[in-house]
C-alpha atoms as a PDB file:
ATOM      1  CA  MET A   1      10.774  12.235 -20.660  1.00  0.00           C
ATOM      2  CA  ALA A   2      10.203  10.960 -17.059  1.00  0.00           C
ATOM      3  CA  THR A   3      11.747  13.059 -14.090  1.00  0.00           C
ATOM      4  CA  ARG A   4      13.760  11.011 -11.432  1.00  0.00           C
ATOM      5  CA  LYS A   5      12.825  11.723  -7.854  1.00  0.00           C
ATOM      6  CA  SER A   6      16.312  12.354  -6.042  1.00  0.00           C
ATOM      7  CA  GLY A   7      16.915  10.552  -2.469  1.00  0.00           C
ATOM      8  CA  PRO A   8      16.196   6.798  -1.807  1.00  0.00           C
ATOM      9  CA  THR A   9      13.208   4.875  -3.112  1.00  0.00           C
ATOM     10  CA  THR A  10      11.230   3.248  -0.473  1.00  0.00           C
ATOM     11  CA  ASP A  11       9.375   0.436  -2.518  1.00  0.00           C
ATOM     12  CA  PRO A  12       7.509  -1.689  -0.036  1.00  0.00           C
ATOM     13  CA  ASP A  13       8.483  -5.121  -1.672  1.00  0.00           C
ATOM     14  CA  ILE A  14      12.451  -4.085  -1.845  1.00  0.00           C
ATOM     15  CA  THR A  15      12.116  -3.091   1.938  1.00  0.00           C
ATOM     16  CA  GLU A  16      10.213  -6.239   2.727  1.00  0.00           C
ATOM     17  CA  ALA A  17      13.092  -8.386   0.838  1.00  0.00           C
ATOM     18  CA  LEU A  18      15.629  -6.488   2.439  1.00  0.00           C
ATOM     19  CA  ARG A  19      14.364  -7.476   6.031  1.00  0.00           C
ATOM     20  CA  GLN A  20      13.627 -10.748   4.979  1.00  0.00           C
ATOM     21  CA  VAL A  21      17.274 -11.376   3.889  1.00  0.00           C
ATOM     22  CA  VAL A  22      18.804  -9.201   7.113  1.00  0.00           C
ATOM     23  CA  ALA A  23      16.518 -11.650   9.524  1.00  0.00           C
ATOM     24  CA  HIS A  24      17.955 -14.456   7.729  1.00  0.00           C
ATOM     25  CA  GLN A  25      21.594 -13.525   8.134  1.00  0.00           C
ATOM     26  CA  ILE A  26      20.924 -12.861  11.896  1.00  0.00           C
ATOM     27  CA  GLY A  27      19.261 -16.230  12.292  1.00  0.00           C
ATOM     28  CA  PRO A  28      18.136 -17.501  15.541  1.00  0.00           C
ATOM     29  CA  ARG A  29      20.196 -14.629  17.417  1.00  0.00           C
ATOM     30  CA  ARG A  30      17.887 -13.420  19.978  1.00  0.00           C
ATOM     31  CA  PRO A  31      18.578 -11.531  23.167  1.00  0.00           C
ATOM     32  CA  GLY A  32      19.197 -14.428  25.997  1.00  0.00           C
ATOM     33  CA  VAL A  33      20.147 -17.156  23.154  1.00  0.00           C
ATOM     34  CA  ILE A  34      23.598 -18.905  23.779  1.00  0.00           C
ATOM     35  CA  TYR A  35      25.342 -19.747  20.427  1.00  0.00           C
ATOM     36  CA  GLU A  36      28.803 -21.068  19.488  1.00  0.00           C
ATOM     37  CA  ASN A  37      30.954 -21.229  16.412  1.00  0.00           C
ATOM     38  CA  THR A  38      34.669 -21.387  15.625  1.00  0.00           C
ATOM     39  CA  ASP A  39      35.370 -18.220  17.724  1.00  0.00           C
ATOM     40  CA  GLY A  40      33.640 -19.516  21.005  1.00  0.00           C
ATOM     41  CA  ALA A  41      30.605 -19.431  22.789  1.00  0.00           C
ATOM     42  CA  PHE A  42      28.357 -16.310  22.760  1.00  0.00           C
ATOM     43  CA  ARG A  43      25.340 -14.867  25.102  1.00  0.00           C
ATOM     44  CA  VAL A  44      23.204 -12.644  22.740  1.00  0.00           C
ATOM     45  CA  LEU A  45      22.476  -9.138  24.727  1.00  0.00           C
ATOM     46  CA  ASN A  46      21.087  -7.223  21.986  1.00  0.00           C
ATOM     47  CA  VAL A  47      20.288  -7.290  18.294  1.00  0.00           C
ATOM     48  CA  THR A  48      20.039  -4.012  16.259  1.00  0.00           C
ATOM     49  CA  THR A  49      18.468  -3.845  12.974  1.00  0.00           C
ATOM     50  CA  ASP A  50      18.158  -0.091  12.218  1.00  0.00           C
ATOM     51  CA  ALA A  51      21.031  -0.067   9.463  1.00  0.00           C
ATOM     52  CA  SER A  52      22.287   3.395  10.336  1.00  0.00           C
ATOM     53  CA  GLU A  53      22.465   2.426  14.151  1.00  0.00           C
ATOM     54  CA  ALA A  54      24.195  -0.584  13.027  1.00  0.00           C
ATOM     55  CA  ARG A  55      26.613   1.344  10.773  1.00  0.00           C
ATOM     56  CA  ARG A  56      27.609   3.412  13.591  1.00  0.00           C
ATOM     57  CA  ILE A  57      28.129   0.637  16.021  1.00  0.00           C
ATOM     58  CA  LEU A  58      30.358  -1.594  13.896  1.00  0.00           C
ATOM     59  CA  LYS A  59      31.954   1.598  12.289  1.00  0.00           C
ATOM     60  CA  ARG A  60      31.061  -0.197   8.757  1.00  0.00           C
ATOM     61  CA  ARG A  61      29.474   1.660   5.909  1.00  0.00           C
ATOM     62  CA  ALA A  62      27.411  -1.162   4.547  1.00  0.00           C
ATOM     63  CA  ALA A  63      26.250  -2.746   7.797  1.00  0.00           C
ATOM     64  CA  GLN A  64      22.473  -3.594   7.932  1.00  0.00           C
ATOM     65  CA  PHE A  65      22.488  -5.123  11.614  1.00  0.00           C
ATOM     66  CA  ALA A  66      24.771  -5.623  14.841  1.00  0.00           C
ATOM     67  CA  ILE A  67      24.336  -8.231  17.582  1.00  0.00           C
ATOM     68  CA  THR A  68      26.039  -7.264  20.960  1.00  0.00           C
ATOM     69  CA  VAL A  69      27.450 -10.189  22.466  1.00  0.00           C
ATOM     70  CA  ILE A  70      29.420 -11.465  25.220  1.00  0.00           C
ATOM     71  CA  ASP A  71      31.953 -14.360  25.711  1.00  0.00           C
ATOM     72  CA  VAL A  72      30.476 -16.672  28.082  1.00  0.00           C
ATOM     73  CA  LEU A  73      33.579 -18.965  28.328  1.00  0.00           C
ATOM     74  CA  ARG A  74      35.768 -15.832  29.785  1.00  0.00           C
ATOM     75  CA  PRO A  75      34.833 -14.737  32.929  1.00  0.00           C
ATOM     76  CA  ASP A  76      36.131 -11.106  32.573  1.00  0.00           C
ATOM     77  CA  ALA A  77      34.677 -10.848  29.340  1.00  0.00           C
ATOM     78  CA  GLU A  78      33.368  -7.320  28.054  1.00  0.00           C
ATOM     79  CA  PRO A  79      30.394  -7.197  25.417  1.00  0.00           C
ATOM     80  CA  PHE A  80      31.133  -6.422  21.909  1.00  0.00           C
ATOM     81  CA  ALA A  81      29.286  -5.987  18.699  1.00  0.00           C
ATOM     82  CA  VAL A  82      29.490  -8.342  15.808  1.00  0.00           C
ATOM     83  CA  GLY A  83      28.172  -8.106  12.085  1.00  0.00           C
ATOM     84  CA  THR A  84      28.786 -11.752  11.132  1.00  0.00           C
ATOM     85  CA  VAL A  85      26.000 -13.696   9.282  1.00  0.00           C
ATOM     86  CA  TRP A  86      24.710 -16.744  10.851  1.00  0.00           C
ATOM     87  CA  THR A  87      26.237 -19.844   8.833  1.00  0.00           C
ATOM     88  CA  GLY A  88      25.930 -23.692   9.086  1.00  0.00           C
ATOM     89  CA  SER A  89      28.861 -23.774  11.407  1.00  0.00           C
ATOM     90  CA  ASP A  90      26.931 -21.917  14.054  1.00  0.00           C
ATOM     91  CA  ARG A  91      25.030 -23.708  16.777  1.00  0.00           C
ATOM     92  CA  VAL A  92      22.563 -22.716  19.184  1.00  0.00           C
ATOM     93  CA  LEU A  93      23.574 -23.937  22.539  1.00  0.00           C
ATOM     94  CA  LYS A  94      20.437 -22.443  24.758  1.00  0.00           C
ATOM     95  CA  ALA A  95      17.531 -20.951  23.237  1.00  0.00           C
ATOM     96  CA  VAL A  96      15.064 -18.324  24.781  1.00  0.00           C
ATOM     97  CA  ALA A  97      11.542 -19.707  26.313  1.00  0.00           C
END
């Protein structure tokens, strides 16, 4: 009878697969990119891919990433964090060189 180790498994293949899924969900959003969706237009200030930090920022137990943005259409806008995935309705307005 095999014994199970307690704690999370760190299988490199699973870790890499999860990294790829998260990268796909983030899409082209990198610091400096301006993008738009149905909610408005936003400049990316920071991308957090550390899951525990993303969970803290978003206050969501299942968050895998957090993106800090600012609304470029509002002059008085304050930065805020989002955890939404990149979809077909999102569009890059200005890429980073």
